[in-house]
All heavy atoms as atom14 arrays in JSON, in Angstrom:
{
  "sequence": "MAYVRKKSKGHGRNSRIEGNMAAGDRVLLVEDLATDGGSKISFAEA",
  "atom14_mask": [
    [1, 1, 1, 1, 1, 1, 1, 1, 0, 0, 0, 0, 0, 0],
    [1, 1, 1, 1, 1, 0, 0, 0, 0, 0, 0, 0, 0, 0],
    [1, 1, 1, 1, 1, 1, 1, 1, 1, 1, 1, 1, 0, 0],
    [1, 1, 1, 1, 1, 1, 1, 0, 0, 0, 0, 0, 0, 0],
    [1, 1, 1, 1, 1, 1, 1, 1, 1, 1, 1, 0, 0, 0],
    [1, 1, 1, 1, 1, 1, 1, 1, 1, 0, 0, 0, 0, 0],
    [1, 1, 1, 1, 1, 1, 1, 1, 1, 0, 0, 0, 0, 0],
    [1, 1, 1, 1, 1, 1, 0, 0, 0, 0, 0, 0, 0, 0],
    [1, 1, 1, 1, 1, 1, 1, 1, 1, 0, 0, 0, 0, 0],
    [1, 1, 1, 1, 0, 0, 0, 0, 0, 0, 0, 0, 0, 0],
    [1, 1, 1, 1, 1, 1, 1, 1, 1, 1, 0, 0, 0, 0],
    [1, 1, 1, 1, 0, 0, 0, 0, 0, 0, 0, 0, 0, 0],
    [1, 1, 1, 1, 1, 1, 1, 1, 1, 1, 1, 0, 0, 0],
    [1, 1, 1, 1, 1, 1, 1, 1, 0, 0, 0, 0, 0, 0],
    [1, 1, 1, 1, 1, 1, 0, 0, 0, 0, 0, 0, 0, 0],
    [1, 1, 1, 1, 1, 1, 1, 1, 1, 1, 1, 0, 0, 0],
    [1, 1, 1, 1, 1, 1, 1, 1, 0, 0, 0, 0, 0, 0],
    [1, 1, 1, 1, 1, 1, 1, 1, 1, 0, 0, 0, 0, 0],
    [1, 1, 1, 1, 0, 0, 0, 0, 0, 0, 0, 0, 0, 0],
    [1, 1, 1, 1, 1, 1, 1, 1, 0, 0, 0, 0, 0, 0],
    [1, 1, 1, 1, 1, 1, 1, 1, 0, 0, 0, 0, 0, 0],
    [1, 1, 1, 1, 1, 0, 0, 0, 0, 0, 0, 0, 0, 0],
    [1, 1, 1, 1, 1, 0, 0, 0, 0, 0, 0, 0, 0, 0],
    [1, 1, 1, 1, 0, 0, 0, 0, 0, 0, 0, 0, 0, 0],
    [1, 1, 1, 1, 1, 1, 1, 1, 0, 0, 0, 0, 0, 0],
    [1, 1, 1, 1, 1, 1, 1, 1, 1, 1, 1, 0, 0, 0],
    [1, 1, 1, 1, 1, 1, 1, 0, 0, 0, 0, 0, 0, 0],
    [1, 1, 1, 1, 1, 1, 1, 1, 0, 0, 0, 0, 0, 0],
    [1, 1, 1, 1, 1, 1, 1, 1, 0, 0, 0, 0, 0, 0],
    [1, 1, 1, 1, 1, 1, 1, 0, 0, 0, 0, 0, 0, 0],
    [1, 1, 1, 1, 1, 1, 1, 1, 1, 0, 0, 0, 0, 0],
    [1, 1, 1, 1, 1, 1, 1, 1, 0, 0, 0, 0, 0, 0],
    [1, 1, 1, 1, 1, 1, 1, 1, 0, 0, 0, 0, 0, 0],
    [1, 1, 1, 1, 1, 0, 0, 0, 0, 0, 0, 0, 0, 0],
    [1, 1, 1, 1, 1, 1, 1, 0, 0, 0, 0, 0, 0, 0],
    [1, 1, 1, 1, 1, 1, 1, 1, 0, 0, 0, 0, 0, 0],
    [1, 1, 1, 1, 0, 0, 0, 0, 0, 0, 0, 0, 0, 0],
    [1, 1, 1, 1, 0, 0, 0, 0, 0, 0, 0, 0, 0, 0],
    [1, 1, 1, 1, 1, 1, 0, 0, 0, 0, 0, 0, 0, 0],
    [1, 1, 1, 1, 1, 1, 1, 1, 1, 0, 0, 0, 0, 0],
    [1, 1, 1, 1, 1, 1, 1, 1, 0, 0, 0, 0, 0, 0],
    [1, 1, 1, 1, 1, 1, 0, 0, 0, 0, 0, 0, 0, 0],
    [1, 1, 1, 1, 1, 1, 1, 1, 1, 1, 1, 0, 0, 0],
    [1, 1, 1, 1, 1, 0, 0, 0, 0, 0, 0, 0, 0, 0],
    [1, 1, 1, 1, 1, 1, 1, 1, 1, 0, 0, 0, 0, 0],
    [1, 1, 1, 1, 1, 0, 0, 0, 0, 0, 0, 0, 0, 0]
  ],
  "atom14_positions": [
    [[15.26, -17.66, 1.12], [14.36, -16.52, 0.96], [14.94, -15.36, 1.52], [15.6, -15.35, 2.47], [13.02, -16.85, 1.56], [11.92, -15.7, 1.44], [11.24, -15.18, 3.04], [10.48, -13.81, 2.58], [0.0, 0.0, 0.0], [0.0, 0.0, 0.0], [0.0, 0.0, 0.0], [0.0, 0.0, 0.0], [0.0, 0.0, 0.0], [0.0, 0.0, 0.0]],
    [[14.72, -14.19, 0.95], [15.12, -12.84, 1.32], [13.94, -12.07, 1.11], [12.96, -12.34, 0.44], [16.4, -12.36, 0.68], [0.0, 0.0, 0.0], [0.0, 0.0, 0.0], [0.0, 0.0, 0.0], [0.0, 0.0, 0.0], [0.0, 0.0, 0.0], [0.0, 0.0, 0.0], [0.0, 0.0, 0.0], [0.0, 0.0, 0.0], [0.0, 0.0, 0.0]],
    [[14.0, -10.61, 1.49], [13.0, -9.78, 1.06], [13.72, -8.45, 0.77], [14.74, -8.14, 1.16], [11.86, -9.58, 2.05], [12.13, -8.88, 3.32], [11.97, -7.38, 3.39], [12.39, -9.58, 4.43], [12.12, -6.8, 4.54], [12.54, -8.96, 5.65], [12.44, -7.58, 5.86], [12.64, -6.92, 6.92], [0.0, 0.0, 0.0], [0.0, 0.0, 0.0]],
    [[12.94, -7.58, -0.11], [13.53, -6.21, -0.63], [12.58, -5.1, -0.04], [11.43, -5.22, -0.19], [13.43, -6.33, -2.11], [14.26, -5.1, -2.7], [13.99, -7.52, -2.73], [0.0, 0.0, 0.0], [0.0, 0.0, 0.0], [0.0, 0.0, 0.0], [0.0, 0.0, 0.0], [0.0, 0.0, 0.0], [0.0, 0.0, 0.0], [0.0, 0.0, 0.0]],
    [[13.28, -4.24, 0.55], [12.56, -3.09, 1.13], [12.19, -2.13, -0.02], [12.91, -1.98, -1.17], [13.46, -2.33, 2.16], [13.68, -3.09, 3.46], [14.43, -2.32, 4.43], [14.6, -3.03, 5.69], [13.7, -3.01, 6.61], [12.56, -2.43, 6.37], [13.93, -3.72, 7.76], [0.0, 0.0, 0.0], [0.0, 0.0, 0.0], [0.0, 0.0, 0.0]],
    [[11.18, -1.4, 0.07], [10.82, -0.32, -0.83], [11.95, 0.84, -0.89], [12.12, 1.38, -1.99], [9.41, 0.32, -0.61], [8.31, -0.72, -0.67], [7.01, -0.05, -0.13], [5.87, -1.11, -0.4], [4.53, -0.53, 0.03], [0.0, 0.0, 0.0], [0.0, 0.0, 0.0], [0.0, 0.0, 0.0], [0.0, 0.0, 0.0], [0.0, 0.0, 0.0]],
    [[12.4, 1.1, 0.17], [13.52, 1.99, 0.31], [14.52, 1.69, 1.48], [14.0, 0.9, 2.36], [13.01, 3.37, 0.39], [12.25, 3.76, 1.72], [11.72, 5.14, 1.55], [10.77, 5.44, 2.79], [10.36, 6.89, 2.81], [0.0, 0.0, 0.0], [0.0, 0.0, 0.0], [0.0, 0.0, 0.0], [0.0, 0.0, 0.0], [0.0, 0.0, 0.0]],
    [[15.66, 2.12, 1.51], [16.45, 1.72, 2.52], [16.1, 2.38, 3.84], [15.4, 3.37, 3.89], [17.98, 2.25, 2.27], [18.07, 3.55, 2.13], [0.0, 0.0, 0.0], [0.0, 0.0, 0.0], [0.0, 0.0, 0.0], [0.0, 0.0, 0.0], [0.0, 0.0, 0.0], [0.0, 0.0, 0.0], [0.0, 0.0, 0.0], [0.0, 0.0, 0.0]],
    [[16.43, 1.71, 5.07], [16.04, 2.17, 6.27], [16.64, 3.61, 6.58], [16.17, 4.21, 7.55], [16.37, 1.13, 7.27], [15.63, -0.2, 7.21], [15.97, -1.11, 8.42], [17.39, -1.55, 8.4], [17.64, -2.56, 9.52], [0.0, 0.0, 0.0], [0.0, 0.0, 0.0], [0.0, 0.0, 0.0], [0.0, 0.0, 0.0], [0.0, 0.0, 0.0]],
    [[17.84, 3.91, 6.08], [18.41, 5.12, 6.47], [19.41, 5.06, 7.58], [19.91, 6.05, 8.12], [0.0, 0.0, 0.0], [0.0, 0.0, 0.0], [0.0, 0.0, 0.0], [0.0, 0.0, 0.0], [0.0, 0.0, 0.0], [0.0, 0.0, 0.0], [0.0, 0.0, 0.0], [0.0, 0.0, 0.0], [0.0, 0.0, 0.0], [0.0, 0.0, 0.0]],
    [[19.67, 3.84, 8.16], [20.5, 3.61, 9.23], [21.06, 2.1, 9.11], [20.59, 1.45, 8.38], [20.0, 3.93, 10.51], [18.75, 3.08, 10.96], [17.44, 3.37, 10.48], [18.66, 1.85, 11.49], [16.55, 2.36, 10.84], [17.27, 1.47, 11.59], [0.0, 0.0, 0.0], [0.0, 0.0, 0.0], [0.0, 0.0, 0.0], [0.0, 0.0, 0.0]],
    [[21.98, 1.85, 9.97], [22.65, 0.6, 10.0], [23.26, 0.39, 8.68], [24.11, 1.17, 8.2], [0.0, 0.0, 0.0], [0.0, 0.0, 0.0], [0.0, 0.0, 0.0], [0.0, 0.0, 0.0], [0.0, 0.0, 0.0], [0.0, 0.0, 0.0], [0.0, 0.0, 0.0], [0.0, 0.0, 0.0], [0.0, 0.0, 0.0], [0.0, 0.0, 0.0]],
    [[23.02, -0.78, 8.07], [23.81, -1.14, 6.84], [23.15, -0.4, 5.6], [23.7, -0.42, 4.46], [23.6, -2.6, 6.48], [24.31, -3.57, 7.52], [24.21, -4.97, 7.06], [22.85, -5.34, 7.03], [22.16, -5.9, 5.93], [22.79, -5.68, 4.68], [20.96, -6.25, 5.96], [0.0, 0.0, 0.0], [0.0, 0.0, 0.0], [0.0, 0.0, 0.0]],
    [[22.0, 0.24, 5.91], [21.32, 1.19, 4.9], [21.06, 0.29, 3.56], [21.08, 0.86, 2.54], [22.25, 2.29, 4.54], [21.34, 3.44, 3.93], [20.26, 3.68, 4.34], [21.97, 4.26, 3.01], [0.0, 0.0, 0.0], [0.0, 0.0, 0.0], [0.0, 0.0, 0.0], [0.0, 0.0, 0.0], [0.0, 0.0, 0.0], [0.0, 0.0, 0.0]],
    [[20.83, -0.96, 3.76], [20.49, -1.94, 2.67], [18.98, -2.06, 2.45], [18.19, -2.07, 3.39], [21.18, -3.32, 2.88], [20.89, -4.22, 1.85], [0.0, 0.0, 0.0], [0.0, 0.0, 0.0], [0.0, 0.0, 0.0], [0.0, 0.0, 0.0], [0.0, 0.0, 0.0], [0.0, 0.0, 0.0], [0.0, 0.0, 0.0], [0.0, 0.0, 0.0]],
    [[18.68, -2.29, 1.1], [17.31, -2.6, 0.82], [17.01, -4.11, 0.91], [15.94, -4.49, 0.72], [16.88, -2.06, -0.6], [16.78, -0.61, -0.67], [16.4, -0.04, -1.92], [15.15, -0.54, -2.42], [14.61, -0.44, -3.61], [15.37, 0.16, -4.51], [13.38, -0.94, -3.99], [0.0, 0.0, 0.0], [0.0, 0.0, 0.0], [0.0, 0.0, 0.0]],
    [[17.98, -4.92, 0.95], [17.95, -6.37, 0.95], [18.08, -6.87, 2.36], [19.04, -6.57, 3.14], [19.01, -7.05, 0.08], [18.88, -6.48, -1.32], [18.82, -8.52, 0.04], [17.7, -6.64, -2.09], [0.0, 0.0, 0.0], [0.0, 0.0, 0.0], [0.0, 0.0, 0.0], [0.0, 0.0, 0.0], [0.0, 0.0, 0.0], [0.0, 0.0, 0.0]],
    [[17.15, -7.75, 2.74], [17.17, -8.35, 4.05], [17.19, -9.85, 3.97], [16.4, -10.46, 3.27], [15.97, -8.05, 4.93], [15.79, -6.53, 5.25], [16.91, -6.09, 6.17], [17.61, -6.84, 6.77], [16.9, -4.8, 6.43], [0.0, 0.0, 0.0], [0.0, 0.0, 0.0], [0.0, 0.0, 0.0], [0.0, 0.0, 0.0], [0.0, 0.0, 0.0]],
    [[18.35, -10.47, 4.46], [18.49, -11.79, 4.11], [19.8, -12.0, 3.38], [20.52, -11.1, 3.12], [0.0, 0.0, 0.0], [0.0, 0.0, 0.0], [0.0, 0.0, 0.0], [0.0, 0.0, 0.0], [0.0, 0.0, 0.0], [0.0, 0.0, 0.0], [0.0, 0.0, 0.0], [0.0, 0.0, 0.0], [0.0, 0.0, 0.0], [0.0, 0.0, 0.0]],
    [[20.24, -13.22, 3.07], [21.4, -13.57, 2.47], [21.28, -13.53, 0.97], [20.36, -14.26, 0.37], [22.21, -14.74, 2.89], [22.55, -14.72, 4.39], [22.94, -13.74, 4.83], [22.37, -15.88, 4.99], [0.0, 0.0, 0.0], [0.0, 0.0, 0.0], [0.0, 0.0, 0.0], [0.0, 0.0, 0.0], [0.0, 0.0, 0.0], [0.0, 0.0, 0.0]],
    [[21.97, -12.62, 0.19], [21.88, -12.56, -1.25], [23.29, -12.29, -1.8], [23.93, -11.34, -1.33], [20.88, -11.63, -1.73], [20.59, -11.6, -3.24], [19.4, -10.48, -3.74], [18.0, -11.02, -2.9], [0.0, 0.0, 0.0], [0.0, 0.0, 0.0], [0.0, 0.0, 0.0], [0.0, 0.0, 0.0], [0.0, 0.0, 0.0], [0.0, 0.0, 0.0]],
    [[23.91, -13.26, -2.68], [25.16, -13.11, -3.05], [25.25, -12.78, -4.55], [24.41, -13.0, -5.36], [25.99, -14.37, -2.66], [0.0, 0.0, 0.0], [0.0, 0.0, 0.0], [0.0, 0.0, 0.0], [0.0, 0.0, 0.0], [0.0, 0.0, 0.0], [0.0, 0.0, 0.0], [0.0, 0.0, 0.0], [0.0, 0.0, 0.0], [0.0, 0.0, 0.0]],
    [[26.44, -12.09, -4.97], [26.7, -11.89, -6.31], [26.64, -13.13, -7.23], [26.98, -14.19, -6.81], [28.1, -11.27, -6.51], [0.0, 0.0, 0.0], [0.0, 0.0, 0.0], [0.0, 0.0, 0.0], [0.0, 0.0, 0.0], [0.0, 0.0, 0.0], [0.0, 0.0, 0.0], [0.0, 0.0, 0.0], [0.0, 0.0, 0.0], [0.0, 0.0, 0.0]],
    [[25.83, -13.04, -8.34], [25.67, -14.26, -9.08], [24.34, -15.03, -8.79], [24.03, -15.91, -9.58], [0.0, 0.0, 0.0], [0.0, 0.0, 0.0], [0.0, 0.0, 0.0], [0.0, 0.0, 0.0], [0.0, 0.0, 0.0], [0.0, 0.0, 0.0], [0.0, 0.0, 0.0], [0.0, 0.0, 0.0], [0.0, 0.0, 0.0], [0.0, 0.0, 0.0]],
    [[23.76, -14.76, -7.66], [22.57, -15.6, -7.32], [21.49, -15.21, -8.31], [21.25, -14.04, -8.64], [22.02, -15.17, -5.86], [22.84, -16.02, -4.81], [23.62, -16.9, -5.09], [22.5, -15.5, -3.65], [0.0, 0.0, 0.0], [0.0, 0.0, 0.0], [0.0, 0.0, 0.0], [0.0, 0.0, 0.0], [0.0, 0.0, 0.0], [0.0, 0.0, 0.0]],
    [[20.77, -16.26, -8.74], [19.55, -16.07, -9.6], [18.33, -15.99, -8.81], [17.96, -16.91, -8.09], [19.49, -17.25, -10.58], [20.63, -17.47, -11.52], [20.75, -18.73, -12.09], [20.72, -19.92, -11.2], [20.41, -21.1, -11.48], [20.2, -21.5, -12.7], [20.43, -22.09, -10.54], [0.0, 0.0, 0.0], [0.0, 0.0, 0.0], [0.0, 0.0, 0.0]],
    [[17.86, -14.77, -8.9], [16.59, -14.5, -7.93], [15.28, -14.37, -8.63], [15.15, -13.8, -9.65], [16.79, -13.01, -7.31], [15.73, -12.76, -6.23], [18.29, -13.01, -6.53], [0.0, 0.0, 0.0], [0.0, 0.0, 0.0], [0.0, 0.0, 0.0], [0.0, 0.0, 0.0], [0.0, 0.0, 0.0], [0.0, 0.0, 0.0], [0.0, 0.0, 0.0]],
    [[14.28, -15.03, -8.04], [12.94, -15.06, -8.39], [12.27, -13.88, -7.4], [12.22, -14.2, -6.15], [12.28, -16.31, -8.21], [10.64, -16.25, -8.37], [10.42, -15.99, -9.88], [9.98, -17.72, -8.05], [0.0, 0.0, 0.0], [0.0, 0.0, 0.0], [0.0, 0.0, 0.0], [0.0, 0.0, 0.0], [0.0, 0.0, 0.0], [0.0, 0.0, 0.0]],
    [[11.68, -12.96, -7.99], [11.09, -11.8, -7.29], [9.58, -12.26, -7.17], [8.94, -12.37, -8.25], [11.26, -10.41, -7.98], [10.52, -9.3, -7.39], [10.96, -9.0, -5.94], [10.61, -8.1, -8.32], [0.0, 0.0, 0.0], [0.0, 0.0, 0.0], [0.0, 0.0, 0.0], [0.0, 0.0, 0.0], [0.0, 0.0, 0.0], [0.0, 0.0, 0.0]],
    [[9.0, -12.17, -5.97], [7.6, -12.55, -5.68], [6.97, -11.27, -5.14], [7.31, -10.85, -4.21], [7.47, -13.78, -4.75], [5.98, -14.04, -4.49], [8.06, -15.01, -5.52], [0.0, 0.0, 0.0], [0.0, 0.0, 0.0], [0.0, 0.0, 0.0], [0.0, 0.0, 0.0], [0.0, 0.0, 0.0], [0.0, 0.0, 0.0], [0.0, 0.0, 0.0]],
    [[5.81, -11.1, -5.76], [4.8, -9.98, -5.07], [3.46, -10.68, -5.18], [3.14, -11.56, -5.81], [4.92, -8.69, -5.75], [6.25, -7.89, -5.49], [5.95, -6.32, -5.77], [6.21, -5.98, -6.86], [5.48, -5.67, -4.79], [0.0, 0.0, 0.0], [0.0, 0.0, 0.0], [0.0, 0.0, 0.0], [0.0, 0.0, 0.0], [0.0, 0.0, 0.0]],
    [[2.53, -9.86, -4.66], [1.17, -10.3, -4.68], [0.41, -10.09, -6.03], [-0.26, -10.92, -6.49], [0.28, -9.77, -3.56], [0.26, -8.31, -3.55], [1.15, -7.59, -4.14], [-0.81, -7.58, -3.01], [0.0, 0.0, 0.0], [0.0, 0.0, 0.0], [0.0, 0.0, 0.0], [0.0, 0.0, 0.0], [0.0, 0.0, 0.0], [0.0, 0.0, 0.0]],
    [[0.65, -8.84, -6.57], [0.03, -8.53, -7.9], [0.94, -7.53, -8.61], [1.98, -7.01, -8.19], [-1.32, -7.94, -7.57], [-1.32, -6.67, -6.66], [-1.09, -5.37, -7.42], [-2.73, -6.58, -6.04], [0.0, 0.0, 0.0], [0.0, 0.0, 0.0], [0.0, 0.0, 0.0], [0.0, 0.0, 0.0], [0.0, 0.0, 0.0], [0.0, 0.0, 0.0]],
    [[0.67, -7.38, -9.92], [1.24, -6.45, -10.81], [0.29, -5.58, -11.48], [-0.78, -6.05, -12.02], [2.11, -7.21, -11.95], [0.0, 0.0, 0.0], [0.0, 0.0, 0.0], [0.0, 0.0, 0.0], [0.0, 0.0, 0.0], [0.0, 0.0, 0.0], [0.0, 0.0, 0.0], [0.0, 0.0, 0.0], [0.0, 0.0, 0.0], [0.0, 0.0, 0.0]],
    [[0.47, -4.32, -11.64], [-0.33, -3.29, -12.3], [0.54, -2.88, -13.52], [0.4, -3.4, -14.53], [-0.77, -2.17, -11.36], [0.37, -1.57, -10.83], [-1.72, -2.71, -10.4], [0.0, 0.0, 0.0], [0.0, 0.0, 0.0], [0.0, 0.0, 0.0], [0.0, 0.0, 0.0], [0.0, 0.0, 0.0], [0.0, 0.0, 0.0], [0.0, 0.0, 0.0]],
    [[1.28, -1.74, -13.32], [2.11, -1.25, -14.52], [3.51, -1.67, -14.42], [4.33, -1.33, -15.34], [2.09, 0.33, -14.52], [2.61, 0.86, -13.24], [3.03, 0.19, -12.28], [2.65, 2.06, -13.16], [0.0, 0.0, 0.0], [0.0, 0.0, 0.0], [0.0, 0.0, 0.0], [0.0, 0.0, 0.0], [0.0, 0.0, 0.0], [0.0, 0.0, 0.0]],
    [[3.95, -2.52, -13.36], [5.24, -3.15, -13.36], [6.23, -2.28, -12.61], [7.42, -2.69, -12.57], [0.0, 0.0, 0.0], [0.0, 0.0, 0.0], [0.0, 0.0, 0.0], [0.0, 0.0, 0.0], [0.0, 0.0, 0.0], [0.0, 0.0, 0.0], [0.0, 0.0, 0.0], [0.0, 0.0, 0.0], [0.0, 0.0, 0.0], [0.0, 0.0, 0.0]],
    [[5.89, -1.0, -12.17], [6.86, -0.16, -11.58], [7.58, -0.67, -10.39], [8.75, -0.56, -10.26], [0.0, 0.0, 0.0], [0.0, 0.0, 0.0], [0.0, 0.0, 0.0], [0.0, 0.0, 0.0], [0.0, 0.0, 0.0], [0.0, 0.0, 0.0], [0.0, 0.0, 0.0], [0.0, 0.0, 0.0], [0.0, 0.0, 0.0], [0.0, 0.0, 0.0]],
    [[6.8, -1.32, -9.48], [7.53, -1.85, -8.25], [8.48, -2.96, -8.5], [9.44, -3.12, -7.95], [6.5, -2.29, -7.24], [5.69, -3.42, -7.71], [0.0, 0.0, 0.0], [0.0, 0.0, 0.0], [0.0, 0.0, 0.0], [0.0, 0.0, 0.0], [0.0, 0.0, 0.0], [0.0, 0.0, 0.0], [0.0, 0.0, 0.0], [0.0, 0.0, 0.0]],
    [[7.98, -3.79, -9.61], [9.03, -4.88, -9.98], [10.27, -4.4, -10.46], [11.41, -4.93, -10.1], [8.37, -5.72, -11.16], [6.82, -6.13, -10.93], [6.69, -7.09, -9.87], [5.23, -7.18, -9.41], [4.5, -6.01, -9.02], [0.0, 0.0, 0.0], [0.0, 0.0, 0.0], [0.0, 0.0, 0.0], [0.0, 0.0, 0.0], [0.0, 0.0, 0.0]],
    [[10.31, -3.27, -11.16], [11.46, -2.71, -11.71], [12.43, -2.16, -10.52], [13.6, -2.41, -10.55], [11.23, -1.59, -12.74], [10.45, -2.2, -13.94], [12.47, -0.79, -13.14], [9.92, -1.19, -15.02], [0.0, 0.0, 0.0], [0.0, 0.0, 0.0], [0.0, 0.0, 0.0], [0.0, 0.0, 0.0], [0.0, 0.0, 0.0], [0.0, 0.0, 0.0]],
    [[11.76, -1.45, -9.63], [12.53, -0.96, -8.48], [13.09, -2.13, -7.74], [14.29, -2.08, -7.34], [11.54, -0.01, -7.68], [12.16, 0.3, -6.41], [0.0, 0.0, 0.0], [0.0, 0.0, 0.0], [0.0, 0.0, 0.0], [0.0, 0.0, 0.0], [0.0, 0.0, 0.0], [0.0, 0.0, 0.0], [0.0, 0.0, 0.0], [0.0, 0.0, 0.0]],
    [[12.43, -3.07, -7.42], [12.88, -4.17, -6.59], [13.89, -4.94, -7.26], [15.02, -5.31, -6.73], [11.69, -5.09, -6.23], [10.78, -4.7, -5.18], [9.42, -4.92, -5.28], [11.25, -4.01, -4.04], [8.54, -4.47, -4.28], [10.39, -3.55, -3.13], [8.95, -3.87, -3.18], [0.0, 0.0, 0.0], [0.0, 0.0, 0.0], [0.0, 0.0, 0.0]],
    [[13.79, -5.19, -8.62], [14.85, -5.83, -9.39], [16.13, -5.03, -9.49], [17.18, -5.61, -9.35], [14.26, -6.07, -10.78], [0.0, 0.0, 0.0], [0.0, 0.0, 0.0], [0.0, 0.0, 0.0], [0.0, 0.0, 0.0], [0.0, 0.0, 0.0], [0.0, 0.0, 0.0], [0.0, 0.0, 0.0], [0.0, 0.0, 0.0], [0.0, 0.0, 0.0]],
    [[15.97, -3.69, -9.49], [17.14, -2.85, -9.49], [17.92, -3.02, -8.17], [19.2, -3.09, -8.12], [16.83, -1.42, -9.76], [16.51, -1.16, -11.18], [15.9, 0.24, -11.36], [15.72, 0.99, -10.44], [15.78, 0.71, -12.67], [0.0, 0.0, 0.0], [0.0, 0.0, 0.0], [0.0, 0.0, 0.0], [0.0, 0.0, 0.0], [0.0, 0.0, 0.0]],
    [[17.25, -3.01, -7.06], [17.91, -3.18, -5.75], [18.5, -4.53, -5.65], [19.67, -4.58, -5.13], [16.82, -3.13, -4.6], [0.0, 0.0, 0.0], [0.0, 0.0, 0.0], [0.0, 0.0, 0.0], [0.0, 0.0, 0.0], [0.0, 0.0, 0.0], [0.0, 0.0, 0.0], [0.0, 0.0, 0.0], [0.0, 0.0, 0.0], [0.0, 0.0, 0.0]]
  ]
}
């Protein structure tokens, strides 16, 4: 498991991803709910 920040911290590695995630990994994105899908798109892009 990893998690995705809404935006980068602005310091350190400046990454939105916390945890190990490698190129080619097939990721299932989990949230509590979906309305218009906007947050899913942002997280998927990260």
